[in-house]
C-alpha atoms as a PDB file:
ATOM      1  CA  MET A   1     -21.877  -7.988  -5.665  1.00  0.00           C
ATOM      2  CA  ARG A   2     -20.162  -5.955  -8.350  1.00  0.00           C
ATOM      3  CA  VAL A   3     -17.872  -2.487  -7.680  1.00  0.00           C
ATOM      4  CA  ALA A   4     -16.090  -0.232 -10.210  1.00  0.00           C
ATOM      5  CA  LEU A   5     -13.031   1.853  -8.797  1.00  0.00           C
ATOM      6  CA  HIS A   6     -11.494   4.385 -10.666  1.00  0.00           C
ATOM      7  CA  THR A   7      -7.593   5.521  -9.573  1.00  0.00           C
ATOM      8  CA  ARG A   8      -4.750   6.768 -11.118  1.00  0.00           C
ATOM      9  CA  VAL A   9      -1.391   6.716 -11.821  1.00  0.00           C
ATOM     10  CA  LYS A  10       1.336   9.329 -11.067  1.00  0.00           C
ATOM     11  CA  PRO A  11       2.454  10.650 -14.072  1.00  0.00           C
ATOM     12  CA  GLY A  12       5.643   9.011 -15.227  1.00  0.00           C
ATOM     13  CA  ARG A  13       5.013   5.400 -13.174  1.00  0.00           C
ATOM     14  CA  GLU A  14       2.654   3.840 -15.085  1.00  0.00           C
ATOM     15  CA  SER A  15       5.508   0.851 -16.251  1.00  0.00           C
ATOM     16  CA  GLU A  16       6.070   0.519 -12.510  1.00  0.00           C
ATOM     17  CA  TYR A  17       2.505  -0.050 -11.773  1.00  0.00           C
ATOM     18  CA  ASP A  18       2.458  -2.476 -14.545  1.00  0.00           C
ATOM     19  CA  GLN A  19       5.145  -4.393 -13.256  1.00  0.00           C
ATOM     20  CA  ALA A  20       4.041  -4.268  -9.797  1.00  0.00           C
ATOM     21  CA  HIS A  21       0.990  -5.695 -11.173  1.00  0.00           C
ATOM     22  CA  ARG A  22       2.667  -8.636 -12.283  1.00  0.00           C
ATOM     23  CA  GLU A  23       4.354  -9.371  -9.272  1.00  0.00           C
ATOM     24  CA  VAL A  24       1.457  -9.134  -6.377  1.00  0.00           C
ATOM     25  CA  PRO A  25       2.516 -11.502  -3.882  1.00  0.00           C
ATOM     26  CA  ALA A  26       0.874 -15.003  -3.694  1.00  0.00           C
ATOM     27  CA  GLU A  27      -0.499 -14.038   0.106  1.00  0.00           C
ATOM     28  CA  LEU A  28      -2.172 -10.858  -1.003  1.00  0.00           C
ATOM     29  CA  VAL A  29      -3.994 -12.659  -3.646  1.00  0.00           C
ATOM     30  CA  GLU A  30      -5.022 -15.578  -1.039  1.00  0.00           C
ATOM     31  CA  ALA A  31      -5.986 -12.971   1.443  1.00  0.00           C
ATOM     32  CA  ILE A  32      -8.349 -11.551  -1.530  1.00  0.00           C
ATOM     33  CA  LYS A  33      -9.608 -14.609  -2.521  1.00  0.00           C
ATOM     34  CA  ARG A  34     -10.284 -15.943   1.030  1.00  0.00           C
ATOM     35  CA  GLY A  35     -12.238 -11.680   1.765  1.00  0.00           C
ATOM     36  CA  GLY A  36     -14.528 -12.885  -0.529  1.00  0.00           C
ATOM     37  CA  ALA A  37     -13.518 -11.502  -4.172  1.00  0.00           C
ATOM     38  CA  HIS A  38     -14.403 -13.961  -6.970  1.00  0.00           C
ATOM     39  CA  GLU A  39     -12.776 -11.549  -9.422  1.00  0.00           C
ATOM     40  CA  TRP A  40     -10.817  -8.042  -9.685  1.00  0.00           C
ATOM     41  CA  THR A  41      -9.584  -6.823 -12.976  1.00  0.00           C
ATOM     42  CA  ILE A  42      -7.965  -3.521 -13.484  1.00  0.00           C
ATOM     43  CA  TRP A  43      -7.826  -1.976 -16.764  1.00  0.00           C
ATOM     44  CA  ARG A  44      -5.697   1.495 -17.146  1.00  0.00           C
ATOM     45  CA  SER A  45      -5.780   3.720 -20.002  1.00  0.00           C
ATOM     46  CA  GLY A  46      -2.789   6.143 -19.975  1.00  0.00           C
ATOM     47  CA  GLN A  47      -2.358   7.227 -16.187  1.00  0.00           C
ATOM     48  CA  ASP A  48      -5.981   5.685 -15.333  1.00  0.00           C
ATOM     49  CA  LEU A  49      -7.206   2.753 -14.134  1.00  0.00           C
ATOM     50  CA  PHE A  50     -10.326   1.156 -14.076  1.00  0.00           C
ATOM     51  CA  HIS A  51     -10.908  -1.924 -11.565  1.00  0.00           C
ATOM     52  CA  VAL A  52     -13.937  -3.853 -11.711  1.00  0.00           C
ATOM     53  CA  ILE A  53     -14.629  -6.678  -8.642  1.00  0.00           C
ATOM     54  CA  GLU A  54     -16.874  -9.271  -8.316  1.00  0.00           C
ATOM     55  CA  CYS A  55     -16.978 -10.225  -4.379  1.00  0.00           C
ATOM     56  CA  ASP A  56     -19.667 -11.552  -1.828  1.00  0.00           C
ATOM     57  CA  ASP A  57     -19.501  -8.231   0.168  1.00  0.00           C
ATOM     58  CA  TYR A  58     -17.277  -5.153  -0.825  1.00  0.00           C
ATOM     59  CA  GLU A  59     -17.028  -3.872   2.946  1.00  0.00           C
ATOM     60  CA  ALA A  60     -16.286  -6.879   4.155  1.00  0.00           C
ATOM     61  CA  LEU A  61     -13.455  -7.395   1.858  1.00  0.00           C
ATOM     62  CA  LEU A  62     -12.042  -4.204   2.648  1.00  0.00           C
ATOM     63  CA  SER A  63     -11.940  -4.807   6.449  1.00  0.00           C
ATOM     64  CA  SER A  64     -11.000  -8.288   5.957  1.00  0.00           C
ATOM     65  CA  LEU A  65      -7.462  -6.726   3.968  1.00  0.00           C
ATOM     66  CA  ALA A  66      -7.201  -3.638   6.085  1.00  0.00           C
ATOM     67  CA  ALA A  67      -4.750  -4.655   9.031  1.00  0.00           C
ATOM     68  CA  LEU A  68      -2.628  -7.613   7.087  1.00  0.00           C
ATOM     69  CA  PRO A  69       0.692  -6.914   7.012  1.00  0.00           C
ATOM     70  CA  VAL A  70       0.859  -8.244   2.943  1.00  0.00           C
ATOM     71  CA  ASN A  71      -1.687  -5.665   2.456  1.00  0.00           C
ATOM     72  CA  ILE A  72      -0.349  -2.812   4.520  1.00  0.00           C
ATOM     73  CA  THR A  73       3.320  -3.100   2.409  1.00  0.00           C
ATOM     74  CA  TRP A  74       1.667  -3.158  -1.055  1.00  0.00           C
ATOM     75  CA  GLN A  75      -0.799  -0.398  -0.153  1.00  0.00           C
ATOM     76  CA  ALA A  76       2.642   1.637   0.699  1.00  0.00           C
ATOM     77  CA  ARG A  77       4.074   0.518  -2.643  1.00  0.00           C
ATOM     78  CA  MET A  78       1.165   1.524  -4.450  1.00  0.00           C
ATOM     79  CA  ALA A  79       0.714   5.066  -2.160  1.00  0.00           C
ATOM     80  CA  GLU A  80       4.615   5.751  -3.930  1.00  0.00           C
ATOM     81  CA  LEU A  81       2.573   5.107  -7.977  1.00  0.00           C
ATOM     82  CA  LEU A  82      -0.719   6.223  -7.109  1.00  0.00           C
ATOM     83  CA  GLU A  83      -2.231   9.932  -7.760  1.00  0.00           C
ATOM     84  CA  VAL A  84      -5.629   8.633  -6.528  1.00  0.00           C
ATOM     85  CA  THR A  85      -5.852   5.774  -4.671  1.00  0.00           C
ATOM     86  CA  HIS A  86      -8.138   3.154  -3.877  1.00  0.00           C
ATOM     87  CA  ASP A  87     -10.548   4.360  -1.026  1.00  0.00           C
ATOM     88  CA  TYR A  88     -10.202   2.047   2.566  1.00  0.00           C
ATOM     89  CA  SER A  89     -12.016   4.513   4.521  1.00  0.00           C
ATOM     90  CA  LYS A  90     -15.046   3.920   6.217  1.00  0.00           C
ATOM     91  CA  ASP A  91     -17.051   6.591   4.658  1.00  0.00           C
ATOM     92  CA  GLY A  92     -15.533   5.337   1.373  1.00  0.00           C
ATOM     93  CA  ALA A  93     -16.184   1.732   1.681  1.00  0.00           C
ATOM     94  CA  GLY A  94     -18.698   0.239  -0.560  1.00  0.00           C
ATOM     95  CA  LYS A  95     -19.838   3.425  -2.677  1.00  0.00           C
ATOM     96  CA  GLY A  96     -17.755   2.442  -5.846  1.00  0.00           C
ATOM     97  CA  LEU A  97     -18.261   4.118  -9.080  1.00  0.00           C
ATOM     98  CA  PRO A  98     -21.821   4.343  -9.704  1.00  0.00           C
ATOM     99  CA  ALA A  99     -23.397   2.359 -12.250  1.00  0.00           C
ATOM    100  CA  VAL A 100     -24.584   4.520 -15.321  1.00  0.00           C
ATOM    101  CA  TRP A 101     -26.081   1.862 -17.436  1.00  0.00           C
ATOM    102  CA  ARG A 102     -26.001  -1.902 -17.767  1.00  0.00           C
ATOM    103  CA  LEU A 103     -27.222  -3.948 -20.926  1.00  0.00           C
ATOM    104  CA  PRO A 104     -30.742  -5.251 -20.096  1.00  0.00           C
END
């Protein structure tokens, strides 16, 4: 499955966000892969971040990460940098951005 997300960096925190993503803990990367993600790309345009995640099951991926200490630490770090965060709530899980058009 493919999920697209939109998050937003706090004004003036863009370089810190970029730097943090050059240092994603290897333990977190491995946990994301074990959770069923095959690809996760983030693009930044100014403060706006666009994520595309290719995974087996997005809700299962989020569930597998939710209680992991390395992810909890990472999410706390991201909360300091993000104005709009990745939604880990049950109501938000699996929704992502609605597709408007796809090349046939």
